[in-house]
Amino acid sequence: MTTSQRKTKQTIIASVYILIALFFVGTLSFALWPAVPEEEPEVVVNPNPLQILDTQMLILDNGQADLIARISNPNDQFGVQEFRYNFILENPDGQEQTVSGISYILPGNREKFILSLNYPILDYQLVDFQIQEGYQWGQLSRFDLPELIVRNVQVGSSSRVGQFFTANGIVSNQSPYGLRVIDLIAVIEDNSGDIIAVNQTFVRDVLTGTSREFEMAWNEEIPLTEIGRTSIYAYTNTLDQRQFIIRETDGPIDRF
């Protein structure tokens, strides 16, 4: 074997050892420093918009009216802590008046009433109800939904001066947390299912496992013979952390 052949052989052997060493180094590096996982694509959540089921204006004997809207949230995990709404009224000359307000709706709430009571209508009629765009969704699991029970509801004539009719009862907070405010709305229907009277009130500072009495009064008589059903709806805004009296949370409610 010549000197030239010997050098060529040595070069080949050295190259093989280098390749083997690089292979082992690469394998060890991969084991010790695994590849950075790829970022998961962001999930885009698009809750269905709030729905307006119907509207109604109840004309009262004093030249005023109660404005009623019934809305629905078709989403079971997402609600709205705060949204703005408008009742739109119009007179025969085409002039408009707007009655605005702020409300909320929890996940899975398929029926919620929004009221504007004793509004002076003159010759105006209710022509539209609008929920303003731009509200933010908040996520809330079903385990965080309040459990409110209304019982012992009674309706009848009032003995108090200036009141003609009342509805009263008891609301119980069976949620695992105390609540600052519970809103109560009364809807009275006739035997045909048409709404003939509405009212609203609220109770404050209802601890878990406790109850509060409530009463609503009307300035007009409602004959008992015309009443087919009286429903009392209890709502509270658990999307707003300020509504809790005492509660430990893992963090803020997710909003987007």
Protein backbone atom coordinates (compact mmCIF):
# COMPACT_ATOMS: atom_id res chain seq x y z
CA MET A 1 0.00 0.00 0.00
CA THR A 2 1.44 3.28 -1.04
CA THR A 3 1.60 6.34 1.12
CA SER A 4 -1.14 8.01 -0.93
CA GLN A 5 -3.46 5.00 -0.51
CA ARG A 6 -2.77 4.89 3.21
CA LYS A 7 -3.76 8.56 3.65
CA THR A 8 -6.93 8.02 1.63
CA LYS A 9 -7.90 5.06 3.84
CA GLN A 10 -7.20 7.04 7.01
CA THR A 11 -9.33 9.92 5.72
CA ILE A 12 -12.23 7.60 4.97
CA ILE A 13 -12.05 5.98 8.42
CA ALA A 14 -11.88 9.38 10.12
CA SER A 15 -14.89 10.57 8.16
CA VAL A 16 -16.91 7.52 9.23
CA TYR A 17 -16.05 8.14 12.92
CA ILE A 18 -17.03 11.79 12.57
CA LEU A 19 -20.38 10.85 11.03
CA ILE A 20 -21.05 8.36 13.82
CA ALA A 21 -20.15 10.96 16.47
CA LEU A 22 -22.41 13.57 14.83
CA PHE A 23 -25.27 11.05 14.74
CA PHE A 24 -24.98 10.34 18.47
CA VAL A 25 -24.64 14.02 19.34
CA GLY A 26 -27.71 14.84 17.27
CA THR A 27 -29.74 12.05 18.88
CA LEU A 28 -28.74 13.16 22.39
CA SER A 29 -29.56 16.80 21.62
CA PHE A 30 -33.01 15.86 20.33
CA ALA A 31 -33.67 13.84 23.49
CA LEU A 32 -32.52 16.59 25.85
CA TRP A 33 -33.96 19.55 23.95
CA PRO A 34 -37.19 18.48 22.24
CA ALA A 35 -38.58 20.63 19.48
CA VAL A 36 -40.73 23.60 20.53
CA PRO A 37 -44.37 22.58 20.08
CA GLU A 38 -46.33 24.41 17.47
CA GLU A 39 -48.78 27.00 18.75
CA GLU A 40 -52.38 25.86 18.60
CA PRO A 41 -54.54 28.01 16.38
CA GLU A 42 -56.71 30.48 18.28
CA VAL A 43 -60.31 29.32 18.55
CA VAL A 44 -62.67 31.99 17.29
CA VAL A 45 -65.89 32.07 19.30
CA ASN A 46 -68.92 33.59 17.62
CA PRO A 47 -71.96 33.44 19.91
CA ASN A 48 -75.33 33.88 18.28
CA PRO A 49 -76.71 37.42 18.71
CA LEU A 50 -79.41 38.25 21.23
CA GLN A 51 -82.92 37.78 19.87
CA ILE A 52 -85.94 40.06 20.20
CA LEU A 53 -89.01 37.85 20.57
CA ASP A 54 -91.77 40.45 20.72
CA THR A 55 -92.73 43.92 21.97
CA GLN A 56 -95.90 45.41 23.40
CA MET A 57 -97.28 48.67 24.73
CA LEU A 58 -99.92 48.54 27.48
CA ILE A 59 -101.92 51.76 27.51
CA LEU A 60 -102.90 52.87 31.03
CA ASP A 61 -105.87 55.00 32.08
CA ASN A 62 -103.69 57.97 33.11
CA GLY A 63 -102.34 58.77 29.64
CA GLN A 64 -99.24 56.71 30.20
CA ALA A 65 -98.15 53.29 29.01
CA ASP A 66 -95.93 50.39 30.01
CA LEU A 67 -93.41 49.42 27.32
CA ILE A 68 -92.53 45.73 27.15
CA ALA A 69 -89.86 43.81 25.26
CA ARG A 70 -89.22 40.08 25.51
CA ILE A 71 -85.74 38.95 24.47
CA SER A 72 -83.80 35.69 24.39
CA ASN A 73 -80.18 34.56 24.65
CA PRO A 74 -79.67 31.45 22.47
CA ASN A 75 -76.19 30.76 23.92
CA ASP A 76 -75.76 28.32 26.81
CA GLN A 77 -72.26 29.45 27.86
CA PHE A 78 -72.16 33.14 26.97
CA GLY A 79 -74.08 36.10 28.33
CA VAL A 80 -73.88 39.89 28.31
CA GLN A 81 -73.05 41.79 31.48
CA GLU A 82 -74.32 45.07 30.06
CA PHE A 83 -76.12 46.11 26.90
CA ARG A 84 -78.04 49.21 25.90
CA TYR A 85 -81.50 49.16 24.39
CA ASN A 86 -84.01 51.58 22.89
CA PHE A 87 -87.79 51.60 22.73
CA ILE A 88 -88.70 53.62 19.64
CA LEU A 89 -92.03 55.48 19.61
CA GLU A 90 -93.56 57.48 16.78
CA ASN A 91 -96.55 59.81 16.45
CA PRO A 92 -98.82 60.26 13.41
CA ASP A 93 -96.57 63.09 12.13
CA GLY A 94 -93.58 60.77 11.98
CA GLN A 95 -91.80 62.31 14.97
CA GLU A 96 -89.88 59.84 17.09
CA GLN A 97 -89.14 59.49 20.78
CA THR A 98 -86.56 57.10 22.21
CA VAL A 99 -86.76 55.48 25.64
CA SER A 100 -83.31 54.08 26.46
CA GLY A 101 -81.99 51.83 29.17
CA ILE A 102 -79.32 49.34 30.23
CA SER A 103 -79.82 45.66 31.03
CA TYR A 104 -78.05 42.27 31.11
CA ILE A 105 -78.80 38.67 30.24
CA LEU A 106 -77.25 35.42 31.47
CA PRO A 107 -76.26 32.36 29.44
CA GLY A 108 -79.17 30.14 28.51
CA ASN A 109 -81.81 32.72 29.45
CA ARG A 110 -84.36 31.99 26.74
CA GLU A 111 -86.87 34.55 27.96
CA LYS A 112 -86.23 37.84 29.68
CA PHE A 113 -88.59 40.79 29.99
CA ILE A 114 -87.42 44.40 29.74
CA LEU A 115 -89.84 47.07 30.96
CA SER A 116 -90.21 50.81 30.88
CA LEU A 117 -93.11 51.68 33.18
CA ASN A 118 -95.50 54.64 33.22
CA TYR A 119 -94.12 56.41 30.17
CA PRO A 120 -96.24 59.43 29.02
CA ILE A 121 -97.14 58.54 25.45
CA LEU A 122 -99.48 61.36 24.31
CA ASP A 123 -100.28 60.23 20.75
CA TYR A 124 -97.14 58.13 20.31
CA GLN A 125 -97.14 54.43 19.50
CA LEU A 126 -94.41 51.84 20.02
CA VAL A 127 -92.93 51.00 16.63
CA ASP A 128 -89.62 49.27 17.39
CA PHE A 129 -87.26 47.91 20.02
CA GLN A 130 -83.51 47.83 19.42
CA ILE A 131 -80.54 46.29 21.18
CA GLN A 132 -77.52 48.45 20.48
CA GLU A 133 -74.56 46.73 18.89
CA GLY A 134 -71.11 46.59 20.45
CA TYR A 135 -71.98 44.67 23.61
CA GLN A 136 -69.35 42.26 24.97
CA TRP A 137 -69.93 38.59 25.64
CA GLY A 138 -68.89 37.00 28.93
CA GLN A 139 -68.44 33.28 29.51
CA LEU A 140 -70.14 31.64 32.47
CA SER A 141 -70.53 27.94 33.19
CA ARG A 142 -73.88 26.50 34.20
CA PHE A 143 -72.44 25.82 37.67
CA ASP A 144 -72.10 29.59 38.23
CA LEU A 145 -75.69 30.39 37.25
CA PRO A 146 -77.83 31.62 40.14
CA GLU A 147 -80.59 29.49 41.58
CA LEU A 148 -83.52 31.71 42.54
CA ILE A 149 -86.90 30.37 43.65
CA VAL A 150 -90.08 32.47 43.80
CA ARG A 151 -92.92 31.13 45.95
CA ASN A 152 -96.09 32.10 47.82
CA VAL A 153 -97.16 34.55 45.12
CA GLN A 154 -100.45 36.29 45.90
CA VAL A 155 -102.32 38.95 43.94
CA GLY A 156 -105.29 41.06 44.92
CA SER A 157 -106.66 44.46 45.83
CA SER A 158 -104.57 46.71 48.03
CA SER A 159 -105.77 48.39 51.21
CA ARG A 160 -103.12 51.12 51.02
CA VAL A 161 -104.04 54.64 49.97
CA GLY A 162 -103.10 55.35 46.35
CA GLN A 163 -102.68 51.66 45.50
CA PHE A 164 -105.35 49.55 43.87
CA PHE A 165 -103.69 46.21 43.22
CA THR A 166 -100.66 44.33 44.52
CA ALA A 167 -98.61 41.22 43.90
CA ASN A 168 -96.41 39.86 46.65
CA GLY A 169 -94.39 36.78 47.43
CA ILE A 170 -91.05 35.43 48.62
CA VAL A 171 -87.82 34.99 46.65
CA SER A 172 -85.18 32.56 47.92
CA ASN A 173 -81.50 32.52 47.01
CA GLN A 174 -80.39 28.89 46.73
CA SER A 175 -77.14 29.85 44.97
CA PRO A 176 -73.83 29.06 46.71
CA TYR A 177 -73.14 32.79 47.11
CA GLY A 178 -74.82 35.90 48.45
CA LEU A 179 -76.28 38.43 46.01
CA ARG A 180 -76.39 42.22 46.18
CA VAL A 181 -79.52 42.66 44.06
CA ILE A 182 -82.25 40.37 42.78
CA ASP A 183 -84.52 41.92 40.15
CA LEU A 184 -88.15 40.80 40.06
CA ILE A 185 -90.59 41.27 37.19
CA ALA A 186 -94.30 40.45 37.32
CA VAL A 187 -96.20 39.54 34.16
CA ILE A 188 -99.96 39.08 34.43
CA GLU A 189 -101.81 37.40 31.56
CA ASP A 190 -105.49 36.92 30.86
CA ASN A 191 -107.12 33.60 30.07
CA SER A 192 -106.06 33.93 26.42
CA GLY A 193 -102.37 34.35 27.33
CA ASP A 194 -102.28 38.06 26.48
CA ILE A 195 -100.32 40.34 28.81
CA ILE A 196 -102.63 42.71 30.69
CA ALA A 197 -100.26 44.09 33.37
CA VAL A 198 -96.56 44.22 34.26
CA ASN A 199 -94.50 45.57 37.12
CA GLN A 200 -91.02 45.33 38.60
CA THR A 201 -89.12 45.71 41.85
CA PHE A 202 -85.95 44.43 43.49
CA VAL A 203 -84.60 43.14 46.81
CA ARG A 204 -81.11 43.71 48.20
CA ASP A 205 -78.47 41.71 50.06
CA VAL A 206 -79.84 38.18 49.93
CA LEU A 207 -77.36 35.74 51.46
CA THR A 208 -77.12 32.16 50.27
CA GLY A 209 -79.91 30.02 51.70
CA THR A 210 -82.02 33.01 52.77
CA SER A 211 -85.24 34.59 51.51
CA ARG A 212 -86.76 38.05 51.08
CA GLU A 213 -90.35 39.17 50.83
CA PHE A 214 -91.30 41.45 47.94
CA GLU A 215 -94.33 43.46 46.86
CA MET A 216 -95.33 45.31 43.69
CA ALA A 217 -98.20 47.80 43.49
CA TRP A 218 -100.36 49.11 40.64
CA ASN A 219 -102.25 52.38 40.53
CA GLU A 220 -105.07 50.72 38.60
CA GLU A 221 -107.38 47.93 39.56
CA ILE A 222 -106.94 44.57 37.81
CA PRO A 223 -110.11 42.47 38.13
CA LEU A 224 -109.29 39.00 39.40
CA THR A 225 -111.75 37.55 36.91
CA GLU A 226 -109.51 38.77 34.07
CA ILE A 227 -106.35 37.12 35.43
CA GLY A 228 -105.41 33.80 33.89
CA ARG A 229 -101.82 33.55 35.12
CA THR A 230 -99.35 35.58 37.16
CA SER A 231 -95.65 34.93 36.57
CA ILE A 232 -92.84 36.37 38.67
CA TYR A 233 -89.39 36.26 37.07
CA ALA A 234 -86.26 36.61 39.23
CA TYR A 235 -83.00 37.79 37.64
CA THR A 236 -79.55 38.70 38.92
CA ASN A 237 -76.39 39.69 37.08
CA THR A 238 -73.77 37.12 38.09
CA LEU A 239 -71.64 38.20 35.12
CA ASP A 240 -70.83 41.26 37.25
CA GLN A 241 -68.50 40.39 40.15
CA ARG A 242 -69.84 43.39 42.08
CA GLN A 243 -73.14 41.54 42.55
CA PHE A 244 -71.59 38.99 44.91
CA ILE A 245 -71.64 39.69 48.64
CA ILE A 246 -69.00 37.07 49.49
CA ARG A 247 -67.41 34.86 46.90
CA GLU A 248 -64.01 33.31 46.21
CA THR A 249 -63.17 33.08 42.53
CA ASP A 250 -60.32 31.66 40.51
CA GLY A 251 -60.10 34.85 38.50
CA PRO A 252 -62.16 37.26 36.41
CA ILE A 253 -64.87 36.04 34.09
CA ASP A 254 -63.61 35.62 30.54
CA ARG A 255 -64.85 38.27 28.14
CA PHE A 256 -64.16 38.97 24.52
